[in-house]
Amino acid sequence: MRPLTLRLQAFGPYATPLSIDFAELGPHRLFLIAGPTGAGKTSLLDALCFALFGESSGEPGRDAHLRSQHAPEALPTEVTLDFVQAGAQWRIRRKAAWLRPKQRGGGTTPESEAVTLWPVTAAGLGPPEEKKAEVATRIGEILGLNAAEFRQVVLLPQGRFRELLVAEAKPRQAILRTLFRTAFYERVQGQLREGKNRAARVVQDQELIRRGLLAQAGAETAEAARADRTALALALAEAVAARLTAQATEAMARQADEAGRHAA
């Protein structure tokens, strides 16, 4: 996944609208968000995760502080992300749940989280998807990652890189498997194993049939059965020849008898 543009408002320490153009990075797929402590680096990672999954970057206590405490009351917390995945461009916009000031009178009214996903084409934005569950499913299909996997293989919040380095072999293997998308090769291996098992079962069944036929033929091996078959074929040919000879002799005898009766 390659981010193109990140726009956020009333999010974390960013009270006013902010736009970041990741397209300026060009072909560089690995980049570092650097700055002094408290500059808002992790909040940008939070914004990426929030736009895609409705969650923060996973740092402890982040989810409770996504809305900026300094934002105007009427400004909703909103993040919009344009990104490219597998050659296709997408735009996702997510608004956090918040207490919106009432349009008439005092007080506030709650508004639920809202999300919209569009495909981006040369002609503009395609048909939107706005149902939260369906957007979540579609994002999973597009990225091939859930929120936890995205945090592990696409971004590493400050202080989390060491966790990847010191992870046990099995968790690290799972991370790398997801990172390099080896699921296709695992499916190929699985299909090859299934094919091998099917072939082995066919061979086993044919072996049972072969043994049964040998038992019926009274032979211990296929070579012995073939030898017996040759001998039986020769015997059969001889029997057929003998039968034909006998039939011919019998026919000649009948003809001779009939000729004798006519002569008498």
C-alpha atoms as a PDB file:
ATOM      1  CA  MET A   1       0.000   0.000   0.000  1.00  0.00           C
ATOM      2  CA  ARG A   2       1.400   3.390  -1.032  1.00  0.00           C
ATOM      3  CA  PRO A   3      -0.211   6.502   0.525  1.00  0.00           C
ATOM      4  CA  LEU A   4      -0.684   9.461  -1.798  1.00  0.00           C
ATOM      5  CA  THR A   5      -2.393  12.148   0.267  1.00  0.00           C
ATOM      6  CA  LEU A   6      -3.415  12.313   3.903  1.00  0.00           C
ATOM      7  CA  ARG A   7      -5.839  15.030   4.999  1.00  0.00           C
ATOM      8  CA  LEU A   8      -6.974  15.387   8.594  1.00  0.00           C
ATOM      9  CA  GLN A   9      -8.737  17.870  10.819  1.00  0.00           C
ATOM     10  CA  ALA A  10      -9.533  18.040  14.518  1.00  0.00           C
ATOM     11  CA  PHE A  11      -7.378  14.956  14.923  1.00  0.00           C
ATOM     12  CA  GLY A  12      -4.895  14.485  17.761  1.00  0.00           C
ATOM     13  CA  PRO A  13      -2.746  17.576  18.107  1.00  0.00           C
ATOM     14  CA  TYR A  14      -3.879  18.878  14.705  1.00  0.00           C
ATOM     15  CA  ALA A  15      -6.805  21.149  15.483  1.00  0.00           C
ATOM     16  CA  THR A  16      -7.001  22.760  12.037  1.00  0.00           C
ATOM     17  CA  PRO A  17      -7.017  21.021   8.660  1.00  0.00           C
ATOM     18  CA  LEU A  18      -3.681  19.542   7.578  1.00  0.00           C
ATOM     19  CA  SER A  19      -2.715  17.922   4.264  1.00  0.00           C
ATOM     20  CA  ILE A  20       0.360  15.761   3.657  1.00  0.00           C
ATOM     21  CA  ASP A  21       1.420  14.883   0.105  1.00  0.00           C
ATOM     22  CA  PHE A  22       3.159  11.517   0.233  1.00  0.00           C
ATOM     23  CA  ALA A  23       3.322  11.508  -3.575  1.00  0.00           C
ATOM     24  CA  GLU A  24       6.385  13.748  -3.260  1.00  0.00           C
ATOM     25  CA  LEU A  25       8.280  10.674  -2.062  1.00  0.00           C
ATOM     26  CA  GLY A  26       8.079   9.313  -5.604  1.00  0.00           C
ATOM     27  CA  PRO A  27       9.098   5.663  -5.918  1.00  0.00           C
ATOM     28  CA  HIS A  28      10.525   5.472  -2.388  1.00  0.00           C
ATOM     29  CA  ARG A  29       8.466   2.855  -0.525  1.00  0.00           C
ATOM     30  CA  LEU A  30      10.225   3.173   2.837  1.00  0.00           C
ATOM     31  CA  PHE A  31      10.230   6.464   4.698  1.00  0.00           C
ATOM     32  CA  LEU A  32      10.676   7.798   8.207  1.00  0.00           C
ATOM     33  CA  ILE A  33       8.475  10.301   9.998  1.00  0.00           C
ATOM     34  CA  ALA A  34      10.948  12.144  12.220  1.00  0.00           C
ATOM     35  CA  GLY A  35      10.729  15.020  14.658  1.00  0.00           C
ATOM     36  CA  PRO A  36      11.135  15.962  18.311  1.00  0.00           C
ATOM     37  CA  THR A  37       9.087  14.356  21.048  1.00  0.00           C
ATOM     38  CA  GLY A  38       5.524  15.668  21.014  1.00  0.00           C
ATOM     39  CA  ALA A  39       5.675  16.873  17.418  1.00  0.00           C
ATOM     40  CA  GLY A  40       2.742  14.651  16.399  1.00  0.00           C
ATOM     41  CA  LYS A  41       4.587  11.848  14.576  1.00  0.00           C
ATOM     42  CA  THR A  42       2.558   9.006  16.059  1.00  0.00           C
ATOM     43  CA  SER A  43      -0.643  10.961  15.411  1.00  0.00           C
ATOM     44  CA  LEU A  44       0.057  10.763  11.677  1.00  0.00           C
ATOM     45  CA  LEU A  45       0.354   6.994  11.992  1.00  0.00           C
ATOM     46  CA  ASP A  46      -2.854   7.056  14.033  1.00  0.00           C
ATOM     47  CA  ALA A  47      -4.522   8.971  11.205  1.00  0.00           C
ATOM     48  CA  LEU A  48      -3.454   6.383   8.603  1.00  0.00           C
ATOM     49  CA  CYS A  49      -4.781   3.515  10.712  1.00  0.00           C
ATOM     50  CA  PHE A  50      -7.936   5.381  11.655  1.00  0.00           C
ATOM     51  CA  ALA A  51      -8.797   6.164   8.039  1.00  0.00           C
ATOM     52  CA  LEU A  52      -8.380   2.534   6.983  1.00  0.00           C
ATOM     53  CA  PHE A  53      -9.572   0.619  10.034  1.00  0.00           C
ATOM     54  CA  GLY A  54     -11.180   3.041  12.477  1.00  0.00           C
ATOM     55  CA  GLU A  55      -8.407   2.322  15.015  1.00  0.00           C
ATOM     56  CA  SER A  56      -5.229   4.016  16.162  1.00  0.00           C
ATOM     57  CA  SER A  57      -1.687   2.810  15.493  1.00  0.00           C
ATOM     58  CA  GLY A  58      -1.890   0.590  18.557  1.00  0.00           C
ATOM     59  CA  GLU A  59       0.096   2.693  20.995  1.00  0.00           C
ATOM     60  CA  PRO A  60      -1.372   2.408  24.528  1.00  0.00           C
ATOM     61  CA  GLY A  61      -4.103   4.945  25.256  1.00  0.00           C
ATOM     62  CA  ARG A  62      -4.234   6.404  21.751  1.00  0.00           C
ATOM     63  CA  ASP A  63      -7.848   5.572  20.853  1.00  0.00           C
ATOM     64  CA  ALA A  64      -9.264   7.751  23.621  1.00  0.00           C
ATOM     65  CA  HIS A  65      -7.462  10.877  22.333  1.00  0.00           C
ATOM     66  CA  LEU A  66      -8.096  10.859  18.591  1.00  0.00           C
ATOM     67  CA  ARG A  67     -10.173  14.034  18.660  1.00  0.00           C
ATOM     68  CA  SER A  68      -8.206  17.205  19.144  1.00  0.00           C
ATOM     69  CA  GLN A  69      -8.967  19.016  22.388  1.00  0.00           C
ATOM     70  CA  HIS A  70      -8.177  22.307  20.673  1.00  0.00           C
ATOM     71  CA  ALA A  71     -10.472  21.935  17.658  1.00  0.00           C
ATOM     72  CA  PRO A  72     -13.515  24.197  17.239  1.00  0.00           C
ATOM     73  CA  GLU A  73     -16.626  22.540  18.636  1.00  0.00           C
ATOM     74  CA  ALA A  74     -18.366  22.522  15.241  1.00  0.00           C
ATOM     75  CA  LEU A  75     -15.417  20.981  13.361  1.00  0.00           C
ATOM     76  CA  PRO A  76     -15.764  17.189  13.045  1.00  0.00           C
ATOM     77  CA  THR A  77     -12.809  14.861  13.496  1.00  0.00           C
ATOM     78  CA  GLU A  78     -12.177  13.603   9.985  1.00  0.00           C
ATOM     79  CA  VAL A  79      -9.384  11.847   8.078  1.00  0.00           C
ATOM     80  CA  THR A  80      -9.207  11.312   4.317  1.00  0.00           C
ATOM     81  CA  LEU A  81      -6.604   9.060   2.738  1.00  0.00           C
ATOM     82  CA  ASP A  82      -5.836   8.584  -0.941  1.00  0.00           C
ATOM     83  CA  PHE A  83      -3.733   5.486  -1.586  1.00  0.00           C
ATOM     84  CA  VAL A  84      -2.654   3.057  -4.284  1.00  0.00           C
ATOM     85  CA  GLN A  85      -2.735  -0.711  -3.935  1.00  0.00           C
ATOM     86  CA  ALA A  86      -1.901  -3.188  -6.718  1.00  0.00           C
ATOM     87  CA  GLY A  87      -2.131  -0.439  -9.337  1.00  0.00           C
ATOM     88  CA  ALA A  88      -5.607   0.719  -8.263  1.00  0.00           C
ATOM     89  CA  GLN A  89      -6.241   4.046  -6.528  1.00  0.00           C
ATOM     90  CA  TRP A  90      -8.704   4.478  -3.678  1.00  0.00           C
ATOM     91  CA  ARG A  91      -9.990   7.219  -1.392  1.00  0.00           C
ATOM     92  CA  ILE A  92     -11.354   6.577   2.071  1.00  0.00           C
ATOM     93  CA  ARG A  93     -12.829   9.195   4.385  1.00  0.00           C
ATOM     94  CA  ARG A  94     -13.713   8.451   7.987  1.00  0.00           C
ATOM     95  CA  LYS A  95     -15.367  10.666  10.590  1.00  0.00           C
ATOM     96  CA  ALA A  96     -14.992   9.825  14.261  1.00  0.00           C
ATOM     97  CA  ALA A  97     -17.987   9.598  16.548  1.00  0.00           C
ATOM     98  CA  TRP A  98     -18.403  12.971  18.259  1.00  0.00           C
ATOM     99  CA  LEU A  99     -20.798  15.283  20.019  1.00  0.00           C
ATOM    100  CA  ARG A 100     -21.959  17.808  17.454  1.00  0.00           C
ATOM    101  CA  PRO A 101     -23.361  21.131  18.653  1.00  0.00           C
ATOM    102  CA  LYS A 102     -27.084  21.335  18.046  1.00  0.00           C
ATOM    103  CA  GLN A 103     -28.079  23.580  15.168  1.00  0.00           C
ATOM    104  CA  ARG A 104     -30.842  25.094  17.264  1.00  0.00           C
ATOM    105  CA  GLY A 105     -30.576  25.851  20.907  1.00  0.00           C
ATOM    106  CA  GLY A 106     -27.782  24.783  23.195  1.00  0.00           C
ATOM    107  CA  GLY A 107     -26.205  21.458  23.942  1.00  0.00           C
ATOM    108  CA  THR A 108     -24.862  18.733  21.714  1.00  0.00           C
ATOM    109  CA  THR A 109     -26.144  15.718  19.837  1.00  0.00           C
ATOM    110  CA  PRO A 110     -24.153  12.519  19.285  1.00  0.00           C
ATOM    111  CA  GLU A 111     -23.127  11.444  15.798  1.00  0.00           C
ATOM    112  CA  SER A 112     -21.848   7.965  15.014  1.00  0.00           C
ATOM    113  CA  GLU A 113     -18.660   7.151  13.174  1.00  0.00           C
ATOM    114  CA  ALA A 114     -19.084   7.339   9.392  1.00  0.00           C
ATOM    115  CA  VAL A 115     -16.893   6.046   6.589  1.00  0.00           C
ATOM    116  CA  THR A 116     -16.960   6.219   2.796  1.00  0.00           C
ATOM    117  CA  LEU A 117     -14.755   4.370   0.302  1.00  0.00           C
ATOM    118  CA  TRP A 118     -14.425   5.328  -3.370  1.00  0.00           C
ATOM    119  CA  PRO A 119     -12.448   3.857  -6.244  1.00  0.00           C
ATOM    120  CA  VAL A 120     -10.526   6.626  -8.031  1.00  0.00           C
ATOM    121  CA  THR A 121     -10.340   6.489 -11.823  1.00  0.00           C
ATOM    122  CA  ALA A 122      -9.238   8.845 -14.574  1.00  0.00           C
ATOM    123  CA  ALA A 123     -12.848  10.004 -14.777  1.00  0.00           C
ATOM    124  CA  GLY A 124     -12.994  10.820 -11.044  1.00  0.00           C
ATOM    125  CA  LEU A 125     -14.510   9.082  -8.036  1.00  0.00           C
ATOM    126  CA  GLY A 126     -16.425   5.868  -8.638  1.00  0.00           C
ATOM    127  CA  PRO A 127     -19.520   4.623  -6.789  1.00  0.00           C
ATOM    128  CA  PRO A 128     -19.082   5.017  -3.009  1.00  0.00           C
ATOM    129  CA  GLU A 129     -19.378   2.304  -0.390  1.00  0.00           C
ATOM    130  CA  GLU A 130     -20.707   3.697   2.901  1.00  0.00           C
ATOM    131  CA  LYS A 131     -21.723   0.725   5.037  1.00  0.00           C
ATOM    132  CA  LYS A 132     -19.148   0.342   7.784  1.00  0.00           C
ATOM    133  CA  ALA A 133     -19.034  -3.475   7.769  1.00  0.00           C
ATOM    134  CA  GLU A 134     -18.809  -3.666   3.992  1.00  0.00           C
ATOM    135  CA  VAL A 135     -16.066  -1.029   3.878  1.00  0.00           C
ATOM    136  CA  ALA A 136     -14.113  -3.024   6.477  1.00  0.00           C
ATOM    137  CA  THR A 137     -14.471  -6.168   4.371  1.00  0.00           C
ATOM    138  CA  ARG A 138     -13.465  -4.323   1.195  1.00  0.00           C
ATOM    139  CA  ILE A 139     -10.403  -2.773   2.826  1.00  0.00           C
ATOM    140  CA  GLY A 140      -9.361  -6.229   4.002  1.00  0.00           C
ATOM    141  CA  GLU A 141      -9.711  -7.515   0.440  1.00  0.00           C
ATOM    142  CA  ILE A 142      -7.796  -4.584  -1.040  1.00  0.00           C
ATOM    143  CA  LEU A 143      -4.896  -4.616   1.411  1.00  0.00           C
ATOM    144  CA  GLY A 144      -4.880  -8.293   2.328  1.00  0.00           C
ATOM    145  CA  LEU A 145      -4.251  -7.195   5.916  1.00  0.00           C
ATOM    146  CA  ASN A 146      -6.249  -6.571   9.049  1.00  0.00           C
ATOM    147  CA  ALA A 147      -5.485  -3.696  11.414  1.00  0.00           C
ATOM    148  CA  ALA A 148      -2.991  -5.645  13.533  1.00  0.00           C
ATOM    149  CA  GLU A 149      -1.152  -6.974  10.474  1.00  0.00           C
ATOM    150  CA  PHE A 150      -1.109  -3.501   8.924  1.00  0.00           C
ATOM    151  CA  ARG A 151       0.522  -2.103  12.042  1.00  0.00           C
ATOM    152  CA  GLN A 152       3.109  -4.886  11.977  1.00  0.00           C
ATOM    153  CA  VAL A 153       4.151  -4.871   8.345  1.00  0.00           C
ATOM    154  CA  VAL A 154       3.300  -1.431   6.926  1.00  0.00           C
ATOM    155  CA  LEU A 155       4.073   0.964   9.744  1.00  0.00           C
ATOM    156  CA  LEU A 156       6.016   0.727  12.971  1.00  0.00           C
ATOM    157  CA  PRO A 157       5.106   3.323  15.596  1.00  0.00           C
ATOM    158  CA  GLN A 158       7.891   4.838  17.635  1.00  0.00           C
ATOM    159  CA  GLY A 159       9.409   2.242  19.973  1.00  0.00           C
ATOM    160  CA  ARG A 160       7.760  -0.754  18.237  1.00  0.00           C
ATOM    161  CA  PHE A 161      10.580  -1.620  15.804  1.00  0.00           C
ATOM    162  CA  ARG A 162      12.471  -3.423  18.543  1.00  0.00           C
ATOM    163  CA  GLU A 163       9.450  -5.711  19.074  1.00  0.00           C
ATOM    164  CA  LEU A 164       9.795  -6.967  15.501  1.00  0.00           C
ATOM    165  CA  LEU A 165      13.507  -7.565  15.896  1.00  0.00           C
ATOM    166  CA  VAL A 166      13.207  -9.542  19.136  1.00  0.00           C
ATOM    167  CA  ALA A 167       9.990 -11.394  18.272  1.00  0.00           C
ATOM    168  CA  GLU A 168       9.969 -15.165  18.657  1.00  0.00           C
ATOM    169  CA  ALA A 169      10.564 -17.226  15.525  1.00  0.00           C
ATOM    170  CA  LYS A 170       6.918 -18.175  14.962  1.00  0.00           C
ATOM    171  CA  PRO A 171       5.444 -14.634  15.326  1.00  0.00           C
ATOM    172  CA  ARG A 172       8.248 -13.207  13.185  1.00  0.00           C
ATOM    173  CA  GLN A 173       7.624 -15.902  10.587  1.00  0.00           C
ATOM    174  CA  ALA A 174       3.940 -14.951  10.523  1.00  0.00           C
ATOM    175  CA  ILE A 175       4.848 -11.269  10.074  1.00  0.00           C
ATOM    176  CA  LEU A 176       7.271 -11.999   7.241  1.00  0.00           C
ATOM    177  CA  ARG A 177       4.786 -14.383   5.626  1.00  0.00           C
ATOM    178  CA  THR A 178       2.226 -11.583   5.567  1.00  0.00           C
ATOM    179  CA  LEU A 179       4.789  -8.990   4.502  1.00  0.00           C
ATOM    180  CA  PHE A 180       5.960 -10.978   1.484  1.00  0.00           C
ATOM    181  CA  ARG A 181       2.484 -12.313   0.690  1.00  0.00           C
ATOM    182  CA  THR A 182       3.427 -15.965   0.553  1.00  0.00           C
ATOM    183  CA  ALA A 183      -0.197 -17.078   0.836  1.00  0.00           C
ATOM    184  CA  PHE A 184      -0.290 -17.793  -2.918  1.00  0.00           C
ATOM    185  CA  TYR A 185       2.649 -20.196  -2.633  1.00  0.00           C
ATOM    186  CA  GLU A 186       1.100 -21.809   0.424  1.00  0.00           C
ATOM    187  CA  ARG A 187      -2.064 -22.443  -1.602  1.00  0.00           C
ATOM    188  CA  VAL A 188       0.028 -23.940  -4.426  1.00  0.00           C
ATOM    189  CA  GLN A 189       1.820 -26.183  -1.929  1.00  0.00           C
ATOM    190  CA  GLY A 190      -1.506 -27.204  -0.430  1.00  0.00           C
ATOM    191  CA  GLN A 191      -2.948 -28.079  -3.836  1.00  0.00           C
ATOM    192  CA  LEU A 192       0.174 -30.072  -4.714  1.00  0.00           C
ATOM    193  CA  ARG A 193      -0.106 -31.965  -1.431  1.00  0.00           C
ATOM    194  CA  GLU A 194      -3.773 -32.704  -2.130  1.00  0.00           C
ATOM    195  CA  GLY A 195      -2.879 -33.912  -5.636  1.00  0.00           C
ATOM    196  CA  LYS A 196      -0.150 -36.125  -4.243  1.00  0.00           C
ATOM    197  CA  ASN A 197      -2.536 -37.612  -1.671  1.00  0.00           C
ATOM    198  CA  ARG A 198      -5.198 -38.252  -4.320  1.00  0.00           C
ATOM    199  CA  ALA A 199      -2.636 -39.940  -6.576  1.00  0.00           C
ATOM    200  CA  ALA A 200      -1.426 -42.064  -3.654  1.00  0.00           C
ATOM    201  CA  ARG A 201      -5.007 -43.176  -2.920  1.00  0.00           C
ATOM    202  CA  VAL A 202      -5.538 -44.102  -6.588  1.00  0.00           C
ATOM    203  CA  VAL A 203      -2.312 -46.113  -6.606  1.00  0.00           C
ATOM    204  CA  GLN A 204      -3.365 -47.874  -3.406  1.00  0.00           C
ATOM    205  CA  ASP A 205      -6.782 -48.731  -4.851  1.00  0.00           C
ATOM    206  CA  GLN A 206      -5.244 -50.042  -8.075  1.00  0.00           C
ATOM    207  CA  GLU A 207      -2.783 -52.127  -6.090  1.00  0.00           C
ATOM    208  CA  LEU A 208      -5.664 -53.746  -4.209  1.00  0.00           C
ATOM    209  CA  ILE A 209      -7.411 -54.490  -7.495  1.00  0.00           C
ATOM    210  CA  ARG A 210      -4.203 -55.938  -8.951  1.00  0.00           C
ATOM    211  CA  ARG A 211      -3.712 -58.209  -5.961  1.00  0.00           C
ATOM    212  CA  GLY A 212      -7.316 -59.383  -6.197  1.00  0.00           C
ATOM    213  CA  LEU A 213      -6.943 -60.257  -9.877  1.00  0.00           C
ATOM    214  CA  LEU A 214      -3.692 -62.119  -9.224  1.00  0.00           C
ATOM    215  CA  ALA A 215      -5.418 -64.096  -6.467  1.00  0.00           C
ATOM    216  CA  GLN A 216      -8.246 -64.999  -8.827  1.00  0.00           C
ATOM    217  CA  ALA A 217      -5.680 -66.085 -11.426  1.00  0.00           C
ATOM    218  CA  GLY A 218      -3.805 -68.138  -8.859  1.00  0.00           C
ATOM    219  CA  ALA A 219      -0.570 -66.282  -9.574  1.00  0.00           C
ATOM    220  CA  GLU A 220       1.783 -64.600  -7.159  1.00  0.00           C
ATOM    221  CA  THR A 221       3.200 -62.001  -9.559  1.00  0.00           C
ATOM    222  CA  ALA A 222       2.180 -60.182 -12.696  1.00  0.00           C
ATOM    223  CA  GLU A 223       4.981 -61.964 -14.604  1.00  0.00           C
ATOM    224  CA  ALA A 224       3.582 -65.335 -13.559  1.00  0.00           C
ATOM    225  CA  ALA A 225       0.088 -64.236 -14.561  1.00  0.00           C
ATOM    226  CA  ARG A 226       1.357 -63.134 -17.978  1.00  0.00           C
ATOM    227  CA  ALA A 227       3.154 -66.477 -18.426  1.00  0.00           C
ATOM    228  CA  ASP A 228      -0.017 -68.325 -17.439  1.00  0.00           C
ATOM    229  CA  ARG A 229      -2.017 -66.180 -19.831  1.00  0.00           C
ATOM    230  CA  THR A 230       0.355 -67.041 -22.684  1.00  0.00           C
ATOM    231  CA  ALA A 231       0.113 -70.726 -21.877  1.00  0.00           C
ATOM    232  CA  LEU A 232      -3.656 -70.515 -21.596  1.00  0.00           C
ATOM    233  CA  ALA A 233      -3.851 -68.661 -24.895  1.00  0.00           C
ATOM    234  CA  LEU A 234      -1.811 -71.386 -26.608  1.00  0.00           C
ATOM    235  CA  ALA A 235      -3.954 -74.087 -25.016  1.00  0.00           C
ATOM    236  CA  LEU A 236      -7.079 -72.237 -26.085  1.00  0.00           C
ATOM    237  CA  ALA A 237      -5.812 -71.991 -29.659  1.00  0.00           C
ATOM    238  CA  GLU A 238      -4.997 -75.668 -29.702  1.00  0.00           C
ATOM    239  CA  ALA A 239      -8.418 -76.545 -28.275  1.00  0.00           C
ATOM    240  CA  VAL A 240     -10.144 -74.378 -30.866  1.00  0.00           C
ATOM    241  CA  ALA A 241      -8.104 -75.998 -33.652  1.00  0.00           C
ATOM    242  CA  ALA A 242      -8.906 -79.442 -32.303  1.00  0.00           C
ATOM    243  CA  ARG A 243     -12.578 -78.610 -32.102  1.00  0.00           C
ATOM    244  CA  LEU A 244     -12.614 -77.305 -35.653  1.00  0.00           C
ATOM    245  CA  THR A 245     -10.832 -80.465 -36.826  1.00  0.00           C
ATOM    246  CA  ALA A 246     -13.314 -82.642 -34.969  1.00  0.00           C
ATOM    247  CA  GLN A 247     -16.229 -80.702 -36.404  1.00  0.00           C
ATOM    248  CA  ALA A 248     -14.801 -81.066 -39.917  1.00  0.00           C
ATOM    249  CA  THR A 249     -14.203 -84.813 -39.458  1.00  0.00           C
ATOM    250  CA  GLU A 250     -17.727 -85.275 -38.121  1.00  0.00           C
ATOM    251  CA  ALA A 251     -19.156 -83.362 -41.058  1.00  0.00           C
ATOM    252  CA  MET A 252     -17.210 -85.495 -43.520  1.00  0.00           C
ATOM    253  CA  ALA A 253     -18.431 -88.665 -41.805  1.00  0.00           C
ATOM    254  CA  ARG A 254     -22.042 -87.531 -42.068  1.00  0.00           C
ATOM    255  CA  GLN A 255     -21.606 -86.742 -45.720  1.00  0.00           C
ATOM    256  CA  ALA A 256     -20.096 -90.212 -46.300  1.00  0.00           C
ATOM    257  CA  ASP A 257     -23.013 -91.870 -44.485  1.00  0.00           C
ATOM    258  CA  GLU A 258     -25.535 -89.956 -46.543  1.00  0.00           C
ATOM    259  CA  ALA A 259     -23.729 -90.825 -49.749  1.00  0.00           C
ATOM    260  CA  GLY A 260     -23.764 -94.563 -48.774  1.00  0.00           C
ATOM    261  CA  ARG A 261     -27.483 -94.481 -48.044  1.00  0.00           C
ATOM    262  CA  HIS A 262     -28.231 -92.885 -51.418  1.00  0.00           C
ATOM    263  CA  ALA A 263     -26.080 -95.489 -53.205  1.00  0.00           C
ATOM    264  CA  ALA A 264     -27.972 -98.318 -51.497  1.00  0.00           C
END
